């Protein structure tokens, strides 16, 4: 399953600038150094869709991308970047929390986690905070190309175990934007989340035969 052409729509620095709350959305969140922009570009098969910087913390707005008719990808500001002022971190946190708690069109959350470090406290806080909404969470363990096969197996088993102990609506996979690893699997998750119930019914095997 592939995603339709993904195109930039708009950026929002304030709640009142958010894109109209209709249709369906999938949001992407993660620490500022987790490779979120690179992952979004890899999933969209576009090198410059999301801004990639050598300086973490450059995504300071909520960015909306069209992914088909009234379907959107939403790039949330990265969290955990120490060099950003406390005031700005607090503002980003308020903006993100308002979006995540009040957005009716939000179907699920993709969380980008550096596979070399696993789930850190801020990642765990986000998962624990969002999971009670009942909406699905899928963790992309990024930069998996920097791990050996045994290290990859170990971190995936560890993260899946952590999630299974407390969060029934959470899944995880290995991912590498550089090596194009896990891109098809992640794209299938995102595309499936963006499907309406009617679209799922229409594509059920044997339907209408």
N, C-alpha and C. Protein backbone atom coordinates (compact mmCIF):
# COMPACT_ATOMS: atom_id res chain seq x y z
N UNK A 1 0.84 -1.18 0.00
CA UNK A 1 0.00 0.00 0.00
C UNK A 1 0.88 1.24 0.00
N UNK A 2 0.62 2.18 -0.85
CA UNK A 2 1.42 3.39 -0.94
C UNK A 2 0.55 4.60 -0.65
N UNK A 3 1.22 5.68 -0.26
CA UNK A 3 0.51 6.92 0.00
C UNK A 3 0.43 7.74 -1.28
N UNK A 4 -0.67 8.52 -1.44
CA UNK A 4 -0.75 9.40 -2.60
C UNK A 4 0.29 10.49 -2.49
N UNK A 5 0.44 11.27 -3.55
CA UNK A 5 1.41 12.36 -3.55
C UNK A 5 1.17 13.26 -2.34
N UNK A 6 2.22 13.51 -1.57
CA UNK A 6 2.13 14.33 -0.37
C UNK A 6 2.67 15.72 -0.69
N UNK A 7 1.89 16.75 -0.39
CA UNK A 7 2.27 18.12 -0.71
C UNK A 7 2.09 19.02 0.51
N UNK A 8 2.97 20.01 0.66
CA UNK A 8 2.86 20.95 1.77
C UNK A 8 1.59 21.78 1.65
N UNK A 9 0.91 21.97 2.78
CA UNK A 9 -0.30 22.79 2.81
C UNK A 9 -0.09 24.11 3.54
N UNK A 10 0.31 24.04 4.81
CA UNK A 10 0.41 25.26 5.61
C UNK A 10 1.14 24.98 6.91
N UNK A 11 1.60 26.04 7.56
CA UNK A 11 2.23 25.95 8.87
C UNK A 11 1.40 26.74 9.87
N UNK A 12 1.39 26.27 11.11
CA UNK A 12 0.64 26.96 12.16
C UNK A 12 1.55 27.17 13.37
N UNK A 13 1.69 28.42 13.78
CA UNK A 13 2.47 28.76 14.97
C UNK A 13 1.55 29.00 16.15
N UNK A 14 0.26 29.19 15.86
CA UNK A 14 -0.74 29.42 16.91
C UNK A 14 -1.94 28.51 16.67
N UNK A 15 -2.69 28.25 17.72
CA UNK A 15 -3.83 27.35 17.62
C UNK A 15 -4.82 27.81 16.56
N UNK A 16 -5.05 29.11 16.49
CA UNK A 16 -6.03 29.64 15.53
C UNK A 16 -5.57 29.50 14.08
N UNK A 17 -4.30 29.14 13.87
CA UNK A 17 -3.80 28.96 12.52
C UNK A 17 -3.87 27.50 12.04
N UNK A 18 -4.34 26.61 12.90
CA UNK A 18 -4.43 25.20 12.52
C UNK A 18 -5.34 25.01 11.31
N UNK A 19 -4.99 24.03 10.49
CA UNK A 19 -5.81 23.71 9.32
C UNK A 19 -7.20 23.28 9.79
N UNK A 20 -8.26 23.55 9.01
CA UNK A 20 -9.62 23.14 9.41
C UNK A 20 -9.68 21.69 9.84
N UNK A 21 -10.39 21.45 10.94
CA UNK A 21 -10.43 20.14 11.58
C UNK A 21 -11.48 19.23 10.93
N UNK A 22 -11.19 18.82 9.70
CA UNK A 22 -12.09 17.92 8.97
C UNK A 22 -11.25 16.80 8.36
N UNK A 23 -11.92 15.74 7.91
CA UNK A 23 -11.21 14.64 7.27
C UNK A 23 -10.44 13.79 8.27
N UNK A 24 -9.24 13.32 7.87
CA UNK A 24 -8.43 12.45 8.73
C UNK A 24 -6.98 12.87 8.67
N UNK A 25 -6.30 12.76 9.81
CA UNK A 25 -4.89 13.15 9.91
C UNK A 25 -4.09 12.09 10.65
N UNK A 26 -2.81 12.01 10.29
CA UNK A 26 -1.82 11.24 11.03
C UNK A 26 -0.73 12.22 11.44
N UNK A 27 -0.39 12.24 12.72
CA UNK A 27 0.63 13.18 13.20
C UNK A 27 1.95 12.46 13.46
N UNK A 28 3.05 13.20 13.27
CA UNK A 28 4.39 12.69 13.49
C UNK A 28 5.04 13.50 14.61
N UNK A 29 5.55 12.82 15.62
CA UNK A 29 6.19 13.49 16.75
C UNK A 29 7.48 12.77 17.11
N UNK A 30 8.37 13.47 17.81
CA UNK A 30 9.61 12.84 18.23
C UNK A 30 10.59 13.85 18.78
N UNK A 31 11.61 13.35 19.43
CA UNK A 31 12.68 14.22 19.92
C UNK A 31 13.33 14.94 18.75
N UNK A 32 13.92 16.07 19.04
CA UNK A 32 14.46 16.92 17.98
C UNK A 32 15.59 16.27 17.18
N UNK A 33 16.24 15.26 17.74
CA UNK A 33 17.35 14.60 17.04
C UNK A 33 17.00 13.18 16.60
N UNK A 34 15.71 12.87 16.50
CA UNK A 34 15.31 11.50 16.19
C UNK A 34 15.21 11.23 14.69
N UNK A 35 15.41 12.25 13.86
CA UNK A 35 15.34 12.05 12.42
C UNK A 35 13.94 12.11 11.86
N UNK A 36 13.08 12.93 12.48
CA UNK A 36 11.67 13.00 12.06
C UNK A 36 11.52 13.53 10.64
N UNK A 37 12.19 14.62 10.32
CA UNK A 37 12.06 15.20 8.98
C UNK A 37 12.57 14.24 7.91
N UNK A 38 13.68 13.58 8.17
CA UNK A 38 14.22 12.61 7.22
C UNK A 38 13.24 11.46 7.00
N UNK A 39 12.58 11.04 8.08
CA UNK A 39 11.60 9.95 7.98
C UNK A 39 10.41 10.37 7.13
N UNK A 40 9.90 11.58 7.36
CA UNK A 40 8.77 12.07 6.59
C UNK A 40 9.13 12.16 5.12
N UNK A 41 10.32 12.66 4.83
CA UNK A 41 10.77 12.75 3.43
C UNK A 41 10.86 11.37 2.79
N UNK A 42 11.37 10.40 3.54
CA UNK A 42 11.51 9.04 3.01
C UNK A 42 10.13 8.42 2.75
N UNK A 43 9.21 8.63 3.67
CA UNK A 43 7.86 8.07 3.50
C UNK A 43 7.14 8.69 2.31
N UNK A 44 7.39 9.98 2.08
CA UNK A 44 6.75 10.67 0.97
C UNK A 44 7.52 10.52 -0.33
N UNK A 45 8.73 9.92 -0.26
CA UNK A 45 9.61 9.78 -1.42
C UNK A 45 9.94 11.15 -2.02
N UNK A 46 10.16 12.12 -1.13
CA UNK A 46 10.56 13.46 -1.55
C UNK A 46 11.68 13.94 -0.63
N UNK A 47 12.77 14.39 -1.24
CA UNK A 47 13.94 14.75 -0.45
C UNK A 47 13.77 16.01 0.37
N UNK A 48 12.93 16.93 -0.07
CA UNK A 48 12.85 18.23 0.59
C UNK A 48 11.44 18.58 1.03
N UNK A 49 10.59 17.59 1.27
CA UNK A 49 9.24 17.89 1.72
C UNK A 49 9.26 18.51 3.11
N UNK A 50 9.93 17.84 4.04
CA UNK A 50 10.10 18.36 5.40
C UNK A 50 11.52 18.89 5.53
N UNK A 51 11.68 19.98 6.27
CA UNK A 51 12.99 20.61 6.40
C UNK A 51 13.92 19.76 7.24
N UNK A 52 15.09 19.45 6.69
CA UNK A 52 16.09 18.68 7.41
C UNK A 52 17.25 19.60 7.75
N UNK A 53 17.58 19.69 9.03
CA UNK A 53 18.65 20.58 9.46
C UNK A 53 19.67 19.82 10.28
N UNK A 54 20.92 20.26 10.23
CA UNK A 54 21.95 19.67 11.07
C UNK A 54 21.80 20.17 12.51
N UNK A 55 20.98 21.20 12.70
CA UNK A 55 20.72 21.74 14.02
C UNK A 55 19.35 21.25 14.50
N UNK A 56 19.29 20.40 15.51
CA UNK A 56 17.99 19.91 16.00
C UNK A 56 17.13 21.06 16.50
N UNK A 57 15.81 20.84 16.49
CA UNK A 57 14.90 21.82 17.05
C UNK A 57 14.47 22.91 16.10
N UNK A 58 14.69 22.73 14.80
CA UNK A 58 14.36 23.79 13.85
C UNK A 58 12.88 23.80 13.47
N UNK A 59 12.18 22.68 13.66
CA UNK A 59 10.75 22.67 13.36
C UNK A 59 10.02 23.36 14.50
N UNK A 60 9.58 24.59 14.27
CA UNK A 60 8.98 25.39 15.34
C UNK A 60 7.49 25.61 15.12
N UNK A 61 6.94 25.01 14.11
CA UNK A 61 5.52 25.15 13.82
C UNK A 61 4.91 23.77 13.59
N UNK A 62 3.58 23.71 13.63
CA UNK A 62 2.89 22.50 13.21
C UNK A 62 2.69 22.61 11.71
N UNK A 63 3.25 21.67 10.97
CA UNK A 63 3.21 21.73 9.51
C UNK A 63 2.24 20.69 8.96
N UNK A 64 1.36 21.14 8.09
CA UNK A 64 0.33 20.28 7.50
C UNK A 64 0.68 19.95 6.05
N UNK A 65 0.50 18.67 5.70
CA UNK A 65 0.76 18.21 4.34
C UNK A 65 -0.46 17.46 3.82
N UNK A 66 -0.84 17.74 2.59
CA UNK A 66 -1.95 17.02 1.97
C UNK A 66 -1.50 15.62 1.58
N UNK A 67 -2.34 14.62 1.87
CA UNK A 67 -2.05 13.24 1.50
C UNK A 67 -3.27 12.63 0.83
N UNK A 68 -3.88 13.39 -0.06
CA UNK A 68 -5.09 12.93 -0.72
C UNK A 68 -6.27 13.77 -0.30
N UNK A 69 -7.44 13.45 -0.81
CA UNK A 69 -8.63 14.24 -0.55
C UNK A 69 -8.97 14.29 0.94
N UNK A 70 -8.81 15.47 1.51
CA UNK A 70 -9.10 15.72 2.92
C UNK A 70 -8.38 14.76 3.86
N UNK A 71 -7.16 14.36 3.46
CA UNK A 71 -6.30 13.52 4.28
C UNK A 71 -4.99 14.27 4.46
N UNK A 72 -4.43 14.21 5.68
CA UNK A 72 -3.23 15.01 5.93
C UNK A 72 -2.21 14.28 6.80
N UNK A 73 -0.93 14.61 6.56
CA UNK A 73 0.15 14.29 7.48
C UNK A 73 0.42 15.56 8.25
N UNK A 74 0.73 15.43 9.54
CA UNK A 74 0.98 16.60 10.38
C UNK A 74 2.32 16.42 11.11
N UNK A 75 3.24 17.34 10.84
CA UNK A 75 4.58 17.32 11.42
C UNK A 75 4.58 18.23 12.64
N UNK A 76 4.72 17.64 13.83
CA UNK A 76 4.71 18.40 15.07
C UNK A 76 6.12 18.85 15.45
N UNK A 77 6.25 19.98 16.16
CA UNK A 77 7.57 20.44 16.60
C UNK A 77 8.30 19.38 17.41
N UNK A 78 9.60 19.24 17.17
CA UNK A 78 10.39 18.29 17.94
C UNK A 78 10.49 18.72 19.39
N UNK A 79 10.62 17.75 20.29
CA UNK A 79 10.69 18.08 21.72
C UNK A 79 12.03 17.64 22.30
N UNK A 80 12.38 18.21 23.44
CA UNK A 80 13.57 17.79 24.16
C UNK A 80 14.86 18.47 23.73
N UNK A 81 14.77 19.57 22.97
CA UNK A 81 16.00 20.25 22.54
C UNK A 81 16.41 21.28 23.57
N UNK A 82 17.52 21.05 24.25
CA UNK A 82 17.92 21.84 25.41
C UNK A 82 18.23 23.30 25.08
N UNK A 83 18.71 23.60 23.87
CA UNK A 83 19.15 24.95 23.55
C UNK A 83 18.00 25.89 23.21
N UNK A 84 16.80 25.37 23.12
CA UNK A 84 15.63 26.22 22.92
C UNK A 84 15.25 26.81 24.28
N UNK A 85 14.86 28.07 24.30
CA UNK A 85 14.53 28.74 25.55
C UNK A 85 13.38 28.02 26.26
N UNK A 86 13.34 28.16 27.58
CA UNK A 86 12.28 27.53 28.38
C UNK A 86 10.91 28.04 27.95
N UNK A 87 10.82 29.33 27.69
CA UNK A 87 9.55 29.92 27.27
C UNK A 87 9.07 29.31 25.97
N UNK A 88 10.00 29.14 25.01
CA UNK A 88 9.62 28.56 23.73
C UNK A 88 9.26 27.10 23.86
N UNK A 89 9.99 26.35 24.69
CA UNK A 89 9.66 24.94 24.93
C UNK A 89 8.27 24.82 25.52
N UNK A 90 7.94 25.68 26.46
CA UNK A 90 6.63 25.65 27.09
C UNK A 90 5.54 25.98 26.08
N UNK A 91 5.84 26.94 25.18
CA UNK A 91 4.84 27.31 24.18
C UNK A 91 4.61 26.16 23.20
N UNK A 92 5.70 25.53 22.74
CA UNK A 92 5.57 24.39 21.84
C UNK A 92 4.77 23.30 22.52
N UNK A 93 5.07 23.04 23.81
CA UNK A 93 4.36 22.00 24.54
C UNK A 93 2.87 22.27 24.61
N UNK A 94 2.52 23.53 24.84
CA UNK A 94 1.11 23.90 24.91
C UNK A 94 0.44 23.75 23.55
N UNK A 95 1.15 24.17 22.49
CA UNK A 95 0.61 24.06 21.14
C UNK A 95 0.39 22.60 20.76
N UNK A 96 1.38 21.76 21.03
CA UNK A 96 1.29 20.34 20.71
C UNK A 96 0.17 19.67 21.52
N UNK A 97 0.12 19.94 22.82
CA UNK A 97 -0.90 19.30 23.66
C UNK A 97 -2.30 19.73 23.25
N UNK A 98 -2.46 21.00 22.88
CA UNK A 98 -3.77 21.47 22.42
C UNK A 98 -4.18 20.74 21.16
N UNK A 99 -3.23 20.60 20.24
CA UNK A 99 -3.53 19.88 18.99
C UNK A 99 -3.89 18.42 19.29
N UNK A 100 -3.08 17.73 20.07
CA UNK A 100 -3.29 16.30 20.30
C UNK A 100 -4.56 16.00 21.08
N UNK A 101 -4.98 16.91 21.95
CA UNK A 101 -6.16 16.63 22.78
C UNK A 101 -7.46 17.11 22.16
N UNK A 102 -7.40 18.06 21.23
CA UNK A 102 -8.64 18.65 20.73
C UNK A 102 -8.92 18.34 19.26
N UNK A 103 -8.01 17.65 18.59
CA UNK A 103 -8.13 17.47 17.15
C UNK A 103 -9.02 16.27 16.83
N UNK A 104 -10.21 16.51 16.35
CA UNK A 104 -11.15 15.43 16.02
C UNK A 104 -10.69 14.60 14.82
N UNK A 105 -9.99 15.22 13.88
CA UNK A 105 -9.58 14.53 12.66
C UNK A 105 -8.33 13.67 12.86
N UNK A 106 -7.67 13.79 14.01
CA UNK A 106 -6.45 13.04 14.27
C UNK A 106 -6.79 11.58 14.53
N UNK A 107 -6.27 10.67 13.69
CA UNK A 107 -6.57 9.24 13.84
C UNK A 107 -5.50 8.52 14.65
N UNK A 108 -4.23 8.84 14.40
CA UNK A 108 -3.16 8.12 15.08
C UNK A 108 -1.89 8.93 15.12
N UNK A 109 -0.94 8.47 15.94
CA UNK A 109 0.31 9.20 16.17
C UNK A 109 1.51 8.31 15.86
N UNK A 110 2.39 8.80 14.99
CA UNK A 110 3.67 8.16 14.71
C UNK A 110 4.71 8.83 15.58
N UNK A 111 5.42 8.06 16.40
CA UNK A 111 6.46 8.63 17.26
C UNK A 111 7.81 8.14 16.78
N UNK A 112 8.70 9.06 16.49
CA UNK A 112 10.05 8.74 16.01
C UNK A 112 10.99 8.64 17.21
N UNK A 113 11.66 7.50 17.33
CA UNK A 113 12.58 7.24 18.44
C UNK A 113 13.90 6.74 17.87
N UNK A 114 15.00 7.34 18.29
CA UNK A 114 16.32 6.91 17.84
C UNK A 114 16.58 5.49 18.33
N UNK A 115 16.78 4.57 17.41
CA UNK A 115 16.94 3.16 17.78
C UNK A 115 18.19 2.91 18.62
N UNK A 116 19.16 3.81 18.55
CA UNK A 116 20.40 3.63 19.32
C UNK A 116 20.18 3.91 20.80
N UNK A 117 19.12 4.61 21.12
CA UNK A 117 18.88 5.00 22.52
C UNK A 117 17.60 4.42 23.10
N UNK A 118 16.68 3.98 22.23
CA UNK A 118 15.42 3.44 22.72
C UNK A 118 14.50 4.52 23.25
N UNK A 119 13.45 4.09 23.92
CA UNK A 119 12.46 5.04 24.44
C UNK A 119 13.03 5.79 25.63
N UNK A 120 13.16 7.11 25.49
CA UNK A 120 13.66 7.97 26.54
C UNK A 120 12.49 8.51 27.36
N UNK A 121 12.77 9.13 28.51
CA UNK A 121 11.69 9.62 29.37
C UNK A 121 10.66 10.50 28.68
N UNK A 122 11.08 11.43 27.82
CA UNK A 122 10.12 12.30 27.14
C UNK A 122 9.25 11.51 26.16
N UNK A 123 9.84 10.51 25.51
CA UNK A 123 9.05 9.64 24.61
C UNK A 123 8.02 8.87 25.43
N UNK A 124 8.46 8.33 26.56
CA UNK A 124 7.57 7.55 27.42
C UNK A 124 6.44 8.42 27.96
N UNK A 125 6.75 9.67 28.29
CA UNK A 125 5.72 10.59 28.77
C UNK A 125 4.67 10.84 27.70
N UNK A 126 5.12 11.04 26.47
CA UNK A 126 4.18 11.29 25.38
C UNK A 126 3.29 10.07 25.15
N UNK A 127 3.89 8.89 25.14
CA UNK A 127 3.12 7.66 24.94
C UNK A 127 2.10 7.48 26.06
N UNK A 128 2.54 7.67 27.30
CA UNK A 128 1.65 7.49 28.44
C UNK A 128 0.52 8.52 28.43
N UNK A 129 0.81 9.70 27.95
CA UNK A 129 -0.18 10.77 27.93
C UNK A 129 -1.20 10.59 26.82
N UNK A 130 -0.73 10.14 25.64
CA UNK A 130 -1.61 10.04 24.48
C UNK A 130 -2.36 8.71 24.41
N UNK A 131 -1.77 7.65 24.93
CA UNK A 131 -2.36 6.32 24.81
C UNK A 131 -3.79 6.22 25.34
N UNK A 132 -4.14 6.87 26.45
CA UNK A 132 -5.51 6.76 26.95
C UNK A 132 -6.59 7.28 25.99
N UNK A 133 -6.20 8.01 24.96
CA UNK A 133 -7.20 8.47 23.98
C UNK A 133 -7.76 7.30 23.19
N UNK A 134 -7.04 6.15 23.22
CA UNK A 134 -7.49 4.99 22.46
C UNK A 134 -7.06 5.00 21.01
N UNK A 135 -6.46 6.09 20.58
CA UNK A 135 -5.99 6.18 19.20
C UNK A 135 -4.67 5.43 19.08
N UNK A 136 -4.40 4.83 17.92
CA UNK A 136 -3.18 4.02 17.78
C UNK A 136 -1.91 4.85 17.79
N UNK A 137 -0.85 4.24 18.30
CA UNK A 137 0.49 4.82 18.29
C UNK A 137 1.42 3.83 17.62
N UNK A 138 2.24 4.31 16.69
CA UNK A 138 3.21 3.44 16.04
C UNK A 138 4.59 4.08 16.20
N UNK A 139 5.52 3.35 16.79
CA UNK A 139 6.86 3.85 17.04
C UNK A 139 7.80 3.43 15.92
N UNK A 140 8.45 4.40 15.30
CA UNK A 140 9.48 4.13 14.30
C UNK A 140 10.84 4.24 14.99
N UNK A 141 11.56 3.14 15.07
CA UNK A 141 12.90 3.14 15.64
C UNK A 141 13.88 3.53 14.54
N UNK A 142 14.16 4.81 14.48
CA UNK A 142 14.92 5.39 13.37
C UNK A 142 16.42 5.09 13.45
N UNK A 143 17.09 5.37 12.33
CA UNK A 143 18.55 5.22 12.22
C UNK A 143 18.99 3.78 12.49
N UNK A 144 18.12 2.84 12.11
CA UNK A 144 18.42 1.43 12.34
C UNK A 144 19.63 0.96 11.53
N UNK A 145 19.98 1.70 10.49
CA UNK A 145 21.16 1.34 9.68
C UNK A 145 22.46 1.46 10.48
N UNK A 146 22.41 2.17 11.60
CA UNK A 146 23.60 2.37 12.42
C UNK A 146 23.79 1.25 13.45
N UNK A 147 22.86 0.29 13.44
CA UNK A 147 22.94 -0.84 14.37
C UNK A 147 23.34 -2.12 13.65
N UNK A 148 23.93 -3.03 14.37
CA UNK A 148 24.19 -4.36 13.82
C UNK A 148 22.87 -5.14 13.84
N UNK A 149 22.84 -6.27 13.17
CA UNK A 149 21.62 -7.08 13.14
C UNK A 149 21.21 -7.50 14.55
N UNK A 150 22.18 -7.93 15.35
CA UNK A 150 21.84 -8.37 16.71
C UNK A 150 21.35 -7.20 17.55
N UNK A 151 21.95 -6.03 17.38
CA UNK A 151 21.50 -4.84 18.12
C UNK A 151 20.09 -4.45 17.70
N UNK A 152 19.80 -4.56 16.39
CA UNK A 152 18.47 -4.24 15.88
C UNK A 152 17.42 -5.15 16.49
N UNK A 153 17.72 -6.45 16.50
CA UNK A 153 16.79 -7.43 17.06
C UNK A 153 16.54 -7.14 18.54
N UNK A 154 17.62 -6.82 19.25
CA UNK A 154 17.52 -6.58 20.70
C UNK A 154 16.69 -5.36 21.02
N UNK A 155 16.91 -4.25 20.31
CA UNK A 155 16.18 -3.02 20.63
C UNK A 155 14.71 -3.14 20.24
N UNK A 156 14.43 -3.82 19.14
CA UNK A 156 13.03 -3.99 18.73
C UNK A 156 12.30 -4.85 19.76
N UNK A 157 12.94 -5.92 20.22
CA UNK A 157 12.32 -6.79 21.23
C UNK A 157 12.10 -6.00 22.53
N UNK A 158 13.09 -5.20 22.91
CA UNK A 158 13.00 -4.42 24.14
C UNK A 158 11.85 -3.42 24.09
N UNK A 159 11.76 -2.66 22.98
CA UNK A 159 10.73 -1.63 22.85
C UNK A 159 9.34 -2.27 22.78
N UNK A 160 9.21 -3.33 22.00
CA UNK A 160 7.92 -4.01 21.91
C UNK A 160 7.49 -4.53 23.28
N UNK A 161 8.44 -5.02 24.06
CA UNK A 161 8.14 -5.52 25.39
C UNK A 161 7.67 -4.39 26.30
N UNK A 162 8.35 -3.24 26.23
CA UNK A 162 7.96 -2.09 27.05
C UNK A 162 6.55 -1.63 26.70
N UNK A 163 6.25 -1.58 25.42
CA UNK A 163 4.94 -1.12 24.99
C UNK A 163 3.84 -2.12 25.37
N UNK A 164 4.14 -3.40 25.20
CA UNK A 164 3.14 -4.43 25.47
C UNK A 164 2.73 -4.47 26.94
N UNK A 165 3.64 -4.06 27.82
CA UNK A 165 3.34 -4.11 29.25
C UNK A 165 2.32 -3.06 29.68
N UNK A 166 2.19 -2.00 28.90
CA UNK A 166 1.27 -0.96 29.36
C UNK A 166 0.35 -0.35 28.33
N UNK A 167 0.61 -0.64 27.05
CA UNK A 167 -0.14 0.09 26.02
C UNK A 167 -0.58 -0.85 24.90
N UNK A 168 -1.83 -1.25 24.94
CA UNK A 168 -2.34 -2.21 23.96
C UNK A 168 -2.47 -1.60 22.57
N UNK A 169 -2.53 -0.28 22.48
CA UNK A 169 -2.73 0.38 21.18
C UNK A 169 -1.42 0.86 20.56
N UNK A 170 -0.28 0.32 21.03
CA UNK A 170 1.03 0.76 20.52
C UNK A 170 1.75 -0.38 19.78
N UNK A 171 2.36 -0.04 18.66
CA UNK A 171 3.17 -0.99 17.90
C UNK A 171 4.52 -0.34 17.60
N UNK A 172 5.46 -1.11 17.09
CA UNK A 172 6.80 -0.57 16.82
C UNK A 172 7.46 -1.34 15.67
N UNK A 173 8.40 -0.68 15.03
CA UNK A 173 9.18 -1.31 13.96
C UNK A 173 10.52 -0.61 13.82
N UNK A 174 11.45 -1.28 13.17
CA UNK A 174 12.74 -0.69 12.84
C UNK A 174 12.58 0.16 11.58
N UNK A 175 13.37 1.24 11.49
CA UNK A 175 13.22 2.17 10.37
C UNK A 175 14.55 2.85 10.08
N UNK A 176 14.83 3.04 8.80
CA UNK A 176 16.00 3.81 8.38
C UNK A 176 15.68 4.57 7.11
N UNK A 177 15.67 5.89 7.20
CA UNK A 177 15.44 6.70 6.01
C UNK A 177 16.60 6.56 5.04
N UNK A 178 17.81 6.46 5.57
CA UNK A 178 19.01 6.37 4.74
C UNK A 178 19.06 5.07 3.95
N UNK A 179 18.74 3.97 4.61
CA UNK A 179 18.81 2.65 3.98
C UNK A 179 17.47 2.21 3.39
N UNK A 180 16.47 3.07 3.47
CA UNK A 180 15.12 2.75 2.97
C UNK A 180 14.57 1.49 3.64
N UNK A 181 14.89 1.34 4.91
CA UNK A 181 14.47 0.16 5.66
C UNK A 181 13.18 0.45 6.42
N UNK A 182 12.19 -0.38 6.24
CA UNK A 182 10.94 -0.23 6.95
C UNK A 182 10.02 0.83 6.38
N UNK A 183 10.41 1.43 5.25
CA UNK A 183 9.60 2.51 4.66
C UNK A 183 8.25 1.98 4.17
N UNK A 184 8.28 0.87 3.46
CA UNK A 184 7.03 0.30 2.93
C UNK A 184 6.09 -0.10 4.07
N UNK A 185 6.64 -0.69 5.11
CA UNK A 185 5.83 -1.11 6.26
C UNK A 185 5.19 0.11 6.94
N UNK A 186 5.98 1.15 7.15
CA UNK A 186 5.45 2.35 7.79
C UNK A 186 4.42 3.05 6.91
N UNK A 187 4.67 3.09 5.61
CA UNK A 187 3.72 3.70 4.69
C UNK A 187 2.38 2.98 4.71
N UNK A 188 2.42 1.66 4.84
CA UNK A 188 1.19 0.88 4.90
C UNK A 188 0.39 1.23 6.16
N UNK A 189 1.10 1.44 7.27
CA UNK A 189 0.43 1.83 8.51
C UNK A 189 -0.25 3.18 8.33
N UNK A 190 0.50 4.16 7.81
CA UNK A 190 -0.03 5.52 7.64
C UNK A 190 -1.22 5.52 6.68
N UNK A 191 -1.06 4.85 5.55
CA UNK A 191 -2.14 4.82 4.56
C UNK A 191 -3.38 4.14 5.13
N UNK A 192 -3.19 3.08 5.89
CA UNK A 192 -4.32 2.39 6.50
C UNK A 192 -5.06 3.27 7.49
N UNK A 193 -4.31 4.03 8.29
CA UNK A 193 -4.93 4.93 9.25
C UNK A 193 -5.77 6.01 8.57
N UNK A 194 -5.33 6.44 7.40
CA UNK A 194 -6.01 7.53 6.71
C UNK A 194 -7.25 7.06 5.94
N UNK A 195 -7.42 5.76 5.84
CA UNK A 195 -8.60 5.25 5.15
C UNK A 195 -9.85 5.45 6.00
N UNK A 196 -10.94 5.79 5.37
CA UNK A 196 -12.22 5.89 6.07
C UNK A 196 -12.78 4.49 6.27
N UNK A 197 -13.72 4.30 7.20
CA UNK A 197 -14.34 2.99 7.38
C UNK A 197 -14.96 2.46 6.09
N UNK A 198 -15.54 3.35 5.29
CA UNK A 198 -16.14 2.95 4.02
C UNK A 198 -15.08 2.41 3.06
N UNK A 199 -13.92 3.07 3.02
CA UNK A 199 -12.84 2.61 2.14
C UNK A 199 -12.32 1.25 2.58
N UNK A 200 -12.25 1.02 3.88
CA UNK A 200 -11.79 -0.29 4.38
C UNK A 200 -12.76 -1.38 3.98
N UNK A 201 -14.06 -1.07 4.08
CA UNK A 201 -15.09 -2.04 3.72
C UNK A 201 -15.03 -2.40 2.24
N UNK A 202 -14.83 -1.38 1.40
CA UNK A 202 -14.77 -1.59 -0.03
C UNK A 202 -13.62 -2.47 -0.43
N UNK A 203 -12.52 -2.46 0.35
CA UNK A 203 -11.32 -3.22 0.00
C UNK A 203 -11.21 -4.54 0.74
N UNK A 204 -12.28 -4.89 1.48
CA UNK A 204 -12.27 -6.17 2.19
C UNK A 204 -12.34 -7.32 1.16
N UNK A 205 -11.44 -8.30 1.23
CA UNK A 205 -11.44 -9.42 0.28
C UNK A 205 -12.79 -10.10 0.23
N UNK A 206 -13.28 -10.32 -0.98
CA UNK A 206 -14.56 -11.02 -1.15
C UNK A 206 -15.74 -10.11 -1.13
N UNK A 207 -15.54 -8.82 -0.79
CA UNK A 207 -16.65 -7.89 -0.72
C UNK A 207 -17.24 -7.67 -2.11
N UNK A 208 -18.53 -7.91 -2.25
CA UNK A 208 -19.21 -7.61 -3.50
C UNK A 208 -19.10 -8.73 -4.51
N UNK A 209 -18.45 -9.82 -4.15
CA UNK A 209 -18.32 -10.93 -5.09
C UNK A 209 -19.53 -11.83 -5.03
